[in-house]
Amino acid sequence: MLSSMTDTLTRAERSRLMAKIKGKNTAPERAVRSLLHRAGHRFRLHVRGLPGTPDVVLPRHRTVVFVHGCFWHRHRGCKYATMPGSHRKFWTDKFVRNVANDARHRRQLRRLGWKVVVVWSCQLKHPDRVLAKIEKGLEPRRIRYELPAPAPRPLAAESRPAYGKLAPLPCG
């Protein structure tokens, strides 16, 4: 028995197929990690203590990278962000939740002082552009530092060294 008019798989077959979809160490994620490693960057993976458990964390630069699948995270204007023909209500609700969670996690990370870079799986066709996008996010922030007040200068002429005059040698 088919689970829907447009679905060609049985409910059990569809369930087995969906269970194979991974959330970590996907091919796009491994490709981004390979790019970063070849460029000499050091990173951590899937840091649970951060909102959204980012795919790649570059602690030295205080930057996180999310590698999003265009279908699951609804990449606007992307041909891979299609809508399934069956169970449209379920999928619409799921996609709305995914997008809202992504936005919430990005906000939380920025509030904690992290820079956030999102790489879409379709962008990996151009690895040089992806690396440039990530490295742009690694640029140091422009922070204004206040310089300390200069030390007070001695005002009396006696406290200044007499240049051009020889000081007497101490007796021994």
Protein backbone atom coordinates (compact mmCIF):
# COMPACT_ATOMS: atom_id res chain seq x y z
CA MET A 1 0.00 0.00 0.00
CA LEU A 2 1.34 3.41 -0.91
CA SER A 3 1.52 6.13 1.72
CA SER A 4 0.37 8.78 -0.72
CA MET A 5 -0.92 9.14 -4.24
CA THR A 6 2.33 10.71 -5.45
CA ASP A 7 4.74 8.64 -3.37
CA THR A 8 6.04 5.57 -5.19
CA LEU A 9 7.42 3.90 -2.06
CA THR A 10 5.61 2.10 0.71
CA ARG A 11 5.58 3.67 4.14
CA ALA A 12 8.25 1.21 5.40
CA GLU A 13 10.48 1.82 2.37
CA ARG A 14 10.18 5.60 2.79
CA SER A 15 10.98 5.26 6.50
CA ARG A 16 14.13 3.24 5.77
CA LEU A 17 15.21 5.76 3.15
CA MET A 18 14.67 8.75 5.45
CA ALA A 19 16.53 6.99 8.30
CA LYS A 20 19.67 6.91 6.13
CA ILE A 21 19.85 10.70 5.99
CA LYS A 22 22.73 11.80 8.20
CA GLY A 23 22.92 14.93 10.30
CA LYS A 24 26.69 14.93 10.88
CA ASN A 25 29.73 14.28 8.72
CA THR A 26 27.82 14.72 5.48
CA ALA A 27 29.70 14.98 2.18
CA PRO A 28 29.28 18.81 2.00
CA GLU A 29 30.49 19.14 5.57
CA ARG A 30 33.54 16.99 4.88
CA ALA A 31 34.28 19.08 1.78
CA VAL A 32 34.26 22.31 3.83
CA ARG A 33 36.50 20.74 6.47
CA SER A 34 38.92 19.60 3.77
CA LEU A 35 39.06 23.13 2.32
CA LEU A 36 39.78 24.62 5.74
CA HIS A 37 42.39 22.02 6.60
CA ARG A 38 44.26 22.49 3.30
CA ALA A 39 44.26 26.25 3.94
CA GLY A 40 45.95 25.63 7.30
CA HIS A 41 43.04 26.44 9.60
CA ARG A 42 42.51 24.48 12.79
CA PHE A 43 38.99 23.81 13.98
CA ARG A 44 36.71 21.75 16.19
CA LEU A 45 33.63 19.83 15.12
CA HIS A 46 30.06 19.85 16.42
CA VAL A 47 30.61 21.78 19.66
CA ARG A 48 27.53 20.95 21.69
CA GLY A 49 27.97 23.84 24.12
CA LEU A 50 27.19 26.37 21.38
CA PRO A 51 23.67 27.16 20.11
CA GLY A 52 22.76 25.04 17.11
CA THR A 53 25.81 22.76 17.50
CA PRO A 54 27.77 24.35 14.62
CA ASP A 55 29.34 22.00 12.08
CA VAL A 56 32.76 23.68 12.25
CA VAL A 57 34.09 25.93 15.02
CA LEU A 58 37.24 28.02 14.58
CA PRO A 59 37.88 29.04 18.21
CA ARG A 60 40.97 31.12 17.44
CA HIS A 61 38.89 33.41 15.21
CA ARG A 62 35.70 33.06 17.28
CA THR A 63 33.91 31.98 14.11
CA VAL A 64 31.43 29.18 13.46
CA VAL A 65 30.49 27.63 10.13
CA PHE A 66 27.15 26.00 9.42
CA VAL A 67 27.02 23.77 6.34
CA HIS A 68 23.38 23.77 5.29
CA GLY A 69 21.67 21.49 2.83
CA CYS A 70 19.62 23.57 0.40
CA PHE A 71 16.60 21.26 0.70
CA TRP A 72 16.43 21.02 4.50
CA HIS A 73 17.30 24.64 5.30
CA ARG A 74 15.45 26.25 2.35
CA HIS A 75 18.14 28.06 0.39
CA ARG A 76 16.22 30.88 -1.30
CA GLY A 77 16.23 30.78 -5.07
CA CYS A 78 18.07 27.45 -5.17
CA LYS A 79 16.83 24.75 -7.51
CA TYR A 80 17.49 22.14 -4.81
CA ALA A 81 15.06 23.72 -2.32
CA THR A 82 12.10 21.84 -3.76
CA MET A 83 8.83 21.01 -2.04
CA PRO A 84 7.82 17.34 -1.84
CA GLY A 85 4.57 16.51 -3.57
CA SER A 86 3.07 14.50 -0.72
CA HIS A 87 2.35 15.49 2.88
CA ARG A 88 2.75 19.17 2.03
CA LYS A 89 1.46 20.38 5.41
CA PHE A 90 4.03 18.25 7.25
CA TRP A 91 6.89 19.47 5.06
CA THR A 92 5.83 23.11 5.18
CA ASP A 93 5.71 23.02 8.99
CA LYS A 94 9.07 21.23 9.15
CA PHE A 95 10.79 23.72 6.83
CA VAL A 96 9.35 26.71 8.73
CA ARG A 97 10.70 25.24 12.00
CA ASN A 98 14.13 24.59 10.45
CA VAL A 99 14.46 28.14 9.12
CA ALA A 100 13.27 29.66 12.42
CA ASN A 101 15.71 27.53 14.42
CA ASP A 102 18.57 28.50 12.10
CA ALA A 103 17.81 32.22 12.55
CA ARG A 104 17.51 31.83 16.34
CA HIS A 105 20.84 30.00 16.58
CA ARG A 106 22.62 32.64 14.48
CA ARG A 107 21.22 35.42 16.71
CA GLN A 108 22.27 33.62 19.89
CA LEU A 109 25.79 33.02 18.58
CA ARG A 110 26.21 36.65 17.54
CA ARG A 111 25.06 37.79 20.98
CA LEU A 112 27.74 35.53 22.48
CA GLY A 113 30.36 37.26 20.31
CA TRP A 114 30.75 34.64 17.57
CA LYS A 115 30.92 35.39 13.87
CA VAL A 116 28.61 33.13 11.87
CA VAL A 117 29.25 31.89 8.32
CA VAL A 118 26.64 29.82 6.46
CA VAL A 119 27.79 27.66 3.56
CA TRP A 120 25.11 26.16 1.33
CA SER A 121 25.73 22.75 -0.19
CA CYS A 122 25.13 24.05 -3.73
CA GLN A 123 27.97 26.59 -3.25
CA LEU A 124 30.51 23.80 -2.97
CA LYS A 125 30.65 23.60 -6.77
CA HIS A 126 33.02 26.58 -6.39
CA PRO A 127 35.38 25.62 -3.55
CA ASP A 128 37.60 28.69 -4.01
CA ARG A 129 34.61 30.98 -3.45
CA VAL A 130 33.52 29.01 -0.38
CA LEU A 131 36.99 29.27 1.16
CA ALA A 132 37.10 33.01 0.39
CA LYS A 133 33.67 33.44 2.03
CA ILE A 134 34.79 31.64 5.18
CA GLU A 135 38.13 33.45 5.35
CA LYS A 136 36.34 36.77 4.96
CA GLY A 137 34.47 35.85 8.13
CA LEU A 138 37.81 35.18 9.84
CA GLU A 139 39.08 38.71 9.36
CA PRO A 140 39.69 40.39 12.68
CA ARG A 141 37.02 42.76 13.82
CA ARG A 142 37.88 46.40 13.94
CA ILE A 143 37.86 47.20 17.62
CA ARG A 144 38.55 50.66 18.92
CA TYR A 145 41.03 50.60 21.73
CA GLU A 146 41.45 53.48 24.11
CA LEU A 147 45.08 54.34 24.59
CA PRO A 148 46.24 54.83 28.16
CA ALA A 149 46.94 58.37 29.26
CA PRO A 150 50.59 59.33 28.73
CA ALA A 151 52.84 59.30 31.78
CA PRO A 152 53.41 62.78 33.26
CA ARG A 153 56.67 64.37 32.19
CA PRO A 154 59.05 65.86 34.72
CA LEU A 155 58.71 69.62 34.76
CA ALA A 156 61.85 70.75 36.61
CA ALA A 157 65.00 71.22 34.53
CA GLU A 158 67.10 69.60 37.26
CA SER A 159 65.31 66.27 36.89
CA ARG A 160 66.18 66.06 33.21
CA PRO A 161 69.52 64.63 32.16
CA ALA A 162 72.00 67.23 31.00
CA TYR A 163 72.76 66.31 27.42
CA GLY A 164 76.17 67.30 26.15
CA LYS A 165 77.66 67.55 29.67
CA LEU A 166 79.57 64.74 31.21
CA ALA A 167 78.35 63.53 34.54
CA PRO A 168 81.04 63.00 37.17
CA LEU A 169 82.11 59.41 37.63
CA PRO A 170 81.34 57.88 40.99
CA CYS A 171 84.35 57.45 43.27
CA GLY A 172 85.35 54.01 43.98
